[in-house]
Amino acid sequence: PILPLLELDLLNTTVGGLQKYVNKFFEKLDL
């Protein structure tokens, strides 16, 4: 996955914000 390191809003530009993004990615592709 191309992690949106510089695309998230500033509030979610955190390790936790990225983790939530990848969890949704796993759910979306049902990995």
All heavy atoms as atom14 arrays in JSON, in Angstrom:
{
  "sequence": "PILPLLELDLLNTTVGGLQKYVNKFFEKLDL",
  "atom14_mask": [
    [1, 1, 1, 1, 1, 1, 1, 0, 0, 0, 0, 0, 0, 0],
    [1, 1, 1, 1, 1, 1, 1, 1, 0, 0, 0, 0, 0, 0],
    [1, 1, 1, 1, 1, 1, 1, 1, 0, 0, 0, 0, 0, 0],
    [1, 1, 1, 1, 1, 1, 1, 0, 0, 0, 0, 0, 0, 0],
    [1, 1, 1, 1, 1, 1, 1, 1, 0, 0, 0, 0, 0, 0],
    [1, 1, 1, 1, 1, 1, 1, 1, 0, 0, 0, 0, 0, 0],
    [1, 1, 1, 1, 1, 1, 1, 1, 1, 0, 0, 0, 0, 0],
    [1, 1, 1, 1, 1, 1, 1, 1, 0, 0, 0, 0, 0, 0],
    [1, 1, 1, 1, 1, 1, 1, 1, 0, 0, 0, 0, 0, 0],
    [1, 1, 1, 1, 1, 1, 1, 1, 0, 0, 0, 0, 0, 0],
    [1, 1, 1, 1, 1, 1, 1, 1, 0, 0, 0, 0, 0, 0],
    [1, 1, 1, 1, 1, 1, 1, 1, 0, 0, 0, 0, 0, 0],
    [1, 1, 1, 1, 1, 1, 1, 0, 0, 0, 0, 0, 0, 0],
    [1, 1, 1, 1, 1, 1, 1, 0, 0, 0, 0, 0, 0, 0],
    [1, 1, 1, 1, 1, 1, 1, 0, 0, 0, 0, 0, 0, 0],
    [1, 1, 1, 1, 0, 0, 0, 0, 0, 0, 0, 0, 0, 0],
    [1, 1, 1, 1, 0, 0, 0, 0, 0, 0, 0, 0, 0, 0],
    [1, 1, 1, 1, 1, 1, 1, 1, 0, 0, 0, 0, 0, 0],
    [1, 1, 1, 1, 1, 1, 1, 1, 1, 0, 0, 0, 0, 0],
    [1, 1, 1, 1, 1, 1, 1, 1, 1, 0, 0, 0, 0, 0],
    [1, 1, 1, 1, 1, 1, 1, 1, 1, 1, 1, 1, 0, 0],
    [1, 1, 1, 1, 1, 1, 1, 0, 0, 0, 0, 0, 0, 0],
    [1, 1, 1, 1, 1, 1, 1, 1, 0, 0, 0, 0, 0, 0],
    [1, 1, 1, 1, 1, 1, 1, 1, 1, 0, 0, 0, 0, 0],
    [1, 1, 1, 1, 1, 1, 1, 1, 1, 1, 1, 0, 0, 0],
    [1, 1, 1, 1, 1, 1, 1, 1, 1, 1, 1, 0, 0, 0],
    [1, 1, 1, 1, 1, 1, 1, 1, 1, 0, 0, 0, 0, 0],
    [1, 1, 1, 1, 1, 1, 1, 1, 1, 0, 0, 0, 0, 0],
    [1, 1, 1, 1, 1, 1, 1, 1, 0, 0, 0, 0, 0, 0],
    [1, 1, 1, 1, 1, 1, 1, 1, 0, 0, 0, 0, 0, 0],
    [1, 1, 1, 1, 1, 1, 1, 1, 0, 0, 0, 0, 0, 0]
  ],
  "atom14_positions": [
    [[0.84, -1.2, 0.0], [0.0, 0.0, 0.0], [0.88, 1.25, 0.0], [1.93, 1.27, 0.64], [-0.78, -0.12, 1.32], [0.05, -0.99, 2.19], [0.84, -1.9, 1.29], [0.0, 0.0, 0.0], [0.0, 0.0, 0.0], [0.0, 0.0, 0.0], [0.0, 0.0, 0.0], [0.0, 0.0, 0.0], [0.0, 0.0, 0.0], [0.0, 0.0, 0.0]],
    [[0.46, 2.24, -0.75], [1.17, 3.53, -0.73], [0.61, 4.31, 0.45], [-0.55, 4.76, 0.44], [0.99, 4.28, -2.06], [1.6, 3.43, -3.19], [1.65, 5.65, -2.0], [1.31, 3.93, -4.58], [0.0, 0.0, 0.0], [0.0, 0.0, 0.0], [0.0, 0.0, 0.0], [0.0, 0.0, 0.0], [0.0, 0.0, 0.0], [0.0, 0.0, 0.0]],
    [[1.41, 4.42, 1.5], [0.93, 5.06, 2.73], [0.8, 6.57, 2.52], [1.72, 7.2, 1.99], [1.89, 4.76, 3.9], [2.11, 3.28, 4.23], [3.06, 3.14, 5.41], [0.8, 2.57, 4.53], [0.0, 0.0, 0.0], [0.0, 0.0, 0.0], [0.0, 0.0, 0.0], [0.0, 0.0, 0.0], [0.0, 0.0, 0.0], [0.0, 0.0, 0.0]],
    [[-0.33, 7.15, 2.95], [-0.57, 8.58, 2.7], [0.13, 9.44, 3.76], [-0.5, 10.19, 4.5], [-2.09, 8.68, 2.83], [-2.44, 7.63, 3.85], [-1.45, 6.51, 3.66], [0.0, 0.0, 0.0], [0.0, 0.0, 0.0], [0.0, 0.0, 0.0], [0.0, 0.0, 0.0], [0.0, 0.0, 0.0], [0.0, 0.0, 0.0], [0.0, 0.0, 0.0]],
    [[1.46, 9.33, 3.81], [2.22, 9.99, 4.87], [2.0, 11.5, 4.89], [1.96, 12.11, 5.95], [3.72, 9.7, 4.68], [4.13, 8.23, 4.69], [5.61, 8.09, 4.39], [3.81, 7.59, 6.03], [0.0, 0.0, 0.0], [0.0, 0.0, 0.0], [0.0, 0.0, 0.0], [0.0, 0.0, 0.0], [0.0, 0.0, 0.0], [0.0, 0.0, 0.0]],
    [[1.87, 12.08, 3.71], [1.78, 13.54, 3.64], [0.42, 13.99, 3.1], [0.24, 15.15, 2.77], [2.91, 14.08, 2.76], [4.32, 13.63, 3.2], [5.37, 14.06, 2.21], [4.65, 14.16, 4.59], [0.0, 0.0, 0.0], [0.0, 0.0, 0.0], [0.0, 0.0, 0.0], [0.0, 0.0, 0.0], [0.0, 0.0, 0.0], [0.0, 0.0, 0.0]],
    [[-0.54, 13.05, 3.05], [-1.86, 13.39, 2.49], [-2.96, 13.47, 3.55], [-4.02, 14.0, 3.3], [-2.28, 12.35, 1.44], [-1.6, 12.52, 0.08], [-0.2, 11.95, 0.07], [-0.06, 10.78, 0.44], [0.74, 12.68, -0.29], [0.0, 0.0, 0.0], [0.0, 0.0, 0.0], [0.0, 0.0, 0.0], [0.0, 0.0, 0.0], [0.0, 0.0, 0.0]],
    [[-2.71, 12.88, 4.73], [-3.73, 12.92, 5.78], [-3.82, 14.34, 6.34], [-2.87, 15.11, 6.25], [-3.36, 11.95, 6.91], [-3.32, 10.46, 6.56], [-2.76, 9.66, 7.72], [-4.71, 9.95, 6.2], [0.0, 0.0, 0.0], [0.0, 0.0, 0.0], [0.0, 0.0, 0.0], [0.0, 0.0, 0.0], [0.0, 0.0, 0.0], [0.0, 0.0, 0.0]],
    [[-5.0, 14.69, 6.92], [-5.08, 15.99, 7.57], [-4.14, 15.98, 8.78], [-3.79, 14.91, 9.31], [-6.52, 16.32, 7.98], [-7.07, 15.33, 8.99], [-6.67, 15.41, 10.17], [-7.88, 14.47, 8.61], [0.0, 0.0, 0.0], [0.0, 0.0, 0.0], [0.0, 0.0, 0.0], [0.0, 0.0, 0.0], [0.0, 0.0, 0.0], [0.0, 0.0, 0.0]],
    [[-3.75, 17.16, 9.24], [-2.7, 17.26, 10.24], [-3.04, 16.52, 11.53], [-2.17, 15.9, 12.16], [-2.41, 18.74, 10.54], [-1.03, 19.05, 11.13], [0.1, 18.42, 10.35], [-0.83, 20.55, 11.25], [0.0, 0.0, 0.0], [0.0, 0.0, 0.0], [0.0, 0.0, 0.0], [0.0, 0.0, 0.0], [0.0, 0.0, 0.0], [0.0, 0.0, 0.0]],
    [[-4.3, 16.53, 11.89], [-4.74, 15.85, 13.12], [-4.46, 14.34, 13.07], [-4.15, 13.72, 14.08], [-6.25, 16.1, 13.33], [-6.83, 15.68, 14.68], [-6.23, 16.52, 15.8], [-8.34, 15.82, 14.68], [0.0, 0.0, 0.0], [0.0, 0.0, 0.0], [0.0, 0.0, 0.0], [0.0, 0.0, 0.0], [0.0, 0.0, 0.0], [0.0, 0.0, 0.0]],
    [[-4.59, 13.76, 11.87], [-4.38, 12.32, 11.71], [-3.0, 11.95, 11.16], [-2.75, 10.8, 10.83], [-5.47, 11.74, 10.8], [-6.82, 11.72, 11.49], [-6.97, 11.11, 12.55], [-7.79, 12.42, 10.94], [0.0, 0.0, 0.0], [0.0, 0.0, 0.0], [0.0, 0.0, 0.0], [0.0, 0.0, 0.0], [0.0, 0.0, 0.0], [0.0, 0.0, 0.0]],
    [[-2.12, 12.95, 11.05], [-0.76, 12.68, 10.58], [0.06, 12.17, 11.77], [0.9, 12.86, 12.33], [-0.15, 13.95, 9.94], [-1.01, 14.36, 8.87], [1.22, 13.69, 9.36], [0.0, 0.0, 0.0], [0.0, 0.0, 0.0], [0.0, 0.0, 0.0], [0.0, 0.0, 0.0], [0.0, 0.0, 0.0], [0.0, 0.0, 0.0], [0.0, 0.0, 0.0]],
    [[-0.28, 10.95, 12.17], [0.32, 10.3, 13.34], [0.48, 8.81, 13.02], [-0.1, 8.31, 12.04], [-0.6, 10.42, 14.57], [-1.86, 9.79, 14.25], [-0.85, 11.87, 14.96], [0.0, 0.0, 0.0], [0.0, 0.0, 0.0], [0.0, 0.0, 0.0], [0.0, 0.0, 0.0], [0.0, 0.0, 0.0], [0.0, 0.0, 0.0], [0.0, 0.0, 0.0]],
    [[1.21, 8.11, 13.87], [1.32, 6.66, 13.73], [-0.06, 6.03, 13.83], [-0.43, 5.15, 13.04], [2.27, 6.08, 14.82], [2.26, 4.56, 14.78], [3.69, 6.6, 14.62], [0.0, 0.0, 0.0], [0.0, 0.0, 0.0], [0.0, 0.0, 0.0], [0.0, 0.0, 0.0], [0.0, 0.0, 0.0], [0.0, 0.0, 0.0], [0.0, 0.0, 0.0]],
    [[-0.87, 6.51, 14.78], [-2.24, 5.99, 14.96], [-3.12, 6.25, 13.75], [-3.92, 5.39, 13.35], [0.0, 0.0, 0.0], [0.0, 0.0, 0.0], [0.0, 0.0, 0.0], [0.0, 0.0, 0.0], [0.0, 0.0, 0.0], [0.0, 0.0, 0.0], [0.0, 0.0, 0.0], [0.0, 0.0, 0.0], [0.0, 0.0, 0.0], [0.0, 0.0, 0.0]],
    [[-2.97, 7.42, 13.14], [-3.75, 7.76, 11.94], [-3.41, 6.85, 10.78], [-4.28, 6.39, 10.03], [0.0, 0.0, 0.0], [0.0, 0.0, 0.0], [0.0, 0.0, 0.0], [0.0, 0.0, 0.0], [0.0, 0.0, 0.0], [0.0, 0.0, 0.0], [0.0, 0.0, 0.0], [0.0, 0.0, 0.0], [0.0, 0.0, 0.0], [0.0, 0.0, 0.0]],
    [[-2.12, 6.55, 10.63], [-1.68, 5.63, 9.56], [-2.18, 4.22, 9.83], [-2.58, 3.5, 8.91], [-0.16, 5.64, 9.45], [0.46, 6.91, 8.86], [1.97, 6.9, 9.04], [0.1, 7.07, 7.39], [0.0, 0.0, 0.0], [0.0, 0.0, 0.0], [0.0, 0.0, 0.0], [0.0, 0.0, 0.0], [0.0, 0.0, 0.0], [0.0, 0.0, 0.0]],
    [[-2.16, 3.81, 11.1], [-2.65, 2.46, 11.45], [-4.13, 2.32, 11.1], [-4.55, 1.29, 10.56], [-2.4, 2.19, 12.94], [-2.88, 0.83, 13.41], [-4.35, 0.84, 13.83], [-4.8, 1.77, 14.49], [-5.08, -0.19, 13.46], [0.0, 0.0, 0.0], [0.0, 0.0, 0.0], [0.0, 0.0, 0.0], [0.0, 0.0, 0.0], [0.0, 0.0, 0.0]],
    [[-4.92, 3.34, 11.38], [-6.35, 3.28, 11.04], [-6.53, 3.16, 9.52], [-7.41, 2.44, 9.05], [-7.06, 4.53, 11.56], [-7.26, 4.48, 13.08], [-7.86, 5.78, 13.6], [-7.91, 5.75, 15.12], [-7.97, 7.09, 15.7], [0.0, 0.0, 0.0], [0.0, 0.0, 0.0], [0.0, 0.0, 0.0], [0.0, 0.0, 0.0], [0.0, 0.0, 0.0]],
    [[-5.69, 3.87, 8.78], [-5.74, 3.81, 7.32], [-5.45, 2.39, 6.82], [-6.19, 1.85, 6.0], [-4.75, 4.81, 6.74], [-4.64, 4.78, 5.23], [-5.45, 5.61, 4.44], [-3.73, 3.94, 4.58], [-5.36, 5.58, 3.05], [-3.63, 3.91, 3.2], [-4.45, 4.73, 2.44], [-4.36, 4.7, 1.08], [0.0, 0.0, 0.0], [0.0, 0.0, 0.0]],
    [[-4.38, 1.77, 7.35], [-4.03, 0.43, 6.84], [-5.04, -0.62, 7.3], [-5.3, -1.59, 6.57], [-2.58, 0.0, 7.22], [-1.57, 0.95, 6.64], [-2.39, -0.13, 8.71], [0.0, 0.0, 0.0], [0.0, 0.0, 0.0], [0.0, 0.0, 0.0], [0.0, 0.0, 0.0], [0.0, 0.0, 0.0], [0.0, 0.0, 0.0], [0.0, 0.0, 0.0]],
    [[-5.65, -0.41, 8.45], [-6.68, -1.36, 8.89], [-7.88, -1.32, 7.93], [-8.42, -2.37, 7.57], [-7.12, -1.05, 10.32], [-7.99, -2.15, 10.88], [-7.6, -3.31, 10.93], [-9.21, -1.81, 11.28], [0.0, 0.0, 0.0], [0.0, 0.0, 0.0], [0.0, 0.0, 0.0], [0.0, 0.0, 0.0], [0.0, 0.0, 0.0], [0.0, 0.0, 0.0]],
    [[-8.26, -0.11, 7.51], [-9.36, 0.02, 6.53], [-8.96, -0.61, 5.2], [-9.8, -1.18, 4.5], [-9.73, 1.49, 6.35], [-10.51, 2.05, 7.53], [-10.78, 3.55, 7.36], [-11.45, 4.1, 8.61], [-11.35, 5.57, 8.67], [0.0, 0.0, 0.0], [0.0, 0.0, 0.0], [0.0, 0.0, 0.0], [0.0, 0.0, 0.0], [0.0, 0.0, 0.0]],
    [[-7.69, -0.47, 4.85], [-7.18, -1.08, 3.61], [-7.29, -2.61, 3.68], [-7.76, -3.25, 2.74], [-5.71, -0.65, 3.42], [-5.02, -1.33, 2.26], [-5.36, -1.02, 0.95], [-4.02, -2.27, 2.48], [-4.71, -1.63, -0.12], [-3.37, -2.89, 1.43], [-3.72, -2.57, 0.12], [0.0, 0.0, 0.0], [0.0, 0.0, 0.0], [0.0, 0.0, 0.0]],
    [[-6.89, -3.2, 4.81], [-7.0, -4.65, 4.98], [-8.46, -5.09, 4.89], [-8.77, -6.13, 4.3], [-6.42, -5.08, 6.33], [-4.91, -5.02, 6.41], [-4.27, -5.17, 7.64], [-4.13, -4.81, 5.29], [-2.88, -5.13, 7.73], [-2.75, -4.76, 5.37], [-2.13, -4.92, 6.59], [0.0, 0.0, 0.0], [0.0, 0.0, 0.0], [0.0, 0.0, 0.0]],
    [[-9.35, -4.31, 5.5], [-10.78, -4.65, 5.46], [-11.32, -4.55, 4.04], [-12.08, -5.4, 3.59], [-11.56, -3.71, 6.4], [-11.33, -4.01, 7.88], [-11.99, -2.99, 8.8], [-12.45, -1.93, 8.29], [-12.04, -3.24, 10.02], [0.0, 0.0, 0.0], [0.0, 0.0, 0.0], [0.0, 0.0, 0.0], [0.0, 0.0, 0.0], [0.0, 0.0, 0.0]],
    [[-10.92, -3.49, 3.34], [-11.42, -3.25, 1.98], [-11.04, -4.41, 1.04], [-11.85, -4.86, 0.23], [-10.85, -1.94, 1.44], [-11.4, -1.5, 0.1], [-12.8, -0.94, 0.24], [-13.37, -0.51, -1.07], [-14.8, -0.17, -0.97], [0.0, 0.0, 0.0], [0.0, 0.0, 0.0], [0.0, 0.0, 0.0], [0.0, 0.0, 0.0], [0.0, 0.0, 0.0]],
    [[-9.78, -4.88, 1.17], [-9.32, -5.97, 0.3], [-9.57, -7.34, 0.93], [-9.27, -8.36, 0.33], [-7.83, -5.81, 0.0], [-7.48, -5.01, -1.27], [-7.92, -3.56, -1.15], [-5.99, -5.07, -1.56], [0.0, 0.0, 0.0], [0.0, 0.0, 0.0], [0.0, 0.0, 0.0], [0.0, 0.0, 0.0], [0.0, 0.0, 0.0], [0.0, 0.0, 0.0]],
    [[-10.14, -7.33, 2.14], [-10.42, -8.56, 2.9], [-9.17, -9.45, 2.97], [-9.2, -10.64, 2.65], [-11.6, -9.33, 2.3], [-12.12, -10.4, 3.26], [-11.94, -10.24, 4.48], [-12.68, -11.41, 2.78], [0.0, 0.0, 0.0], [0.0, 0.0, 0.0], [0.0, 0.0, 0.0], [0.0, 0.0, 0.0], [0.0, 0.0, 0.0], [0.0, 0.0, 0.0]],
    [[-8.09, -8.86, 3.43], [-6.82, -9.59, 3.54], [-6.75, -10.32, 4.88], [-7.02, -9.74, 5.92], [-5.64, -8.62, 3.4], [-5.57, -7.83, 2.1], [-4.38, -6.88, 2.11], [-5.5, -8.75, 0.88], [0.0, 0.0, 0.0], [0.0, 0.0, 0.0], [0.0, 0.0, 0.0], [0.0, 0.0, 0.0], [0.0, 0.0, 0.0], [0.0, 0.0, 0.0]]
  ]
}
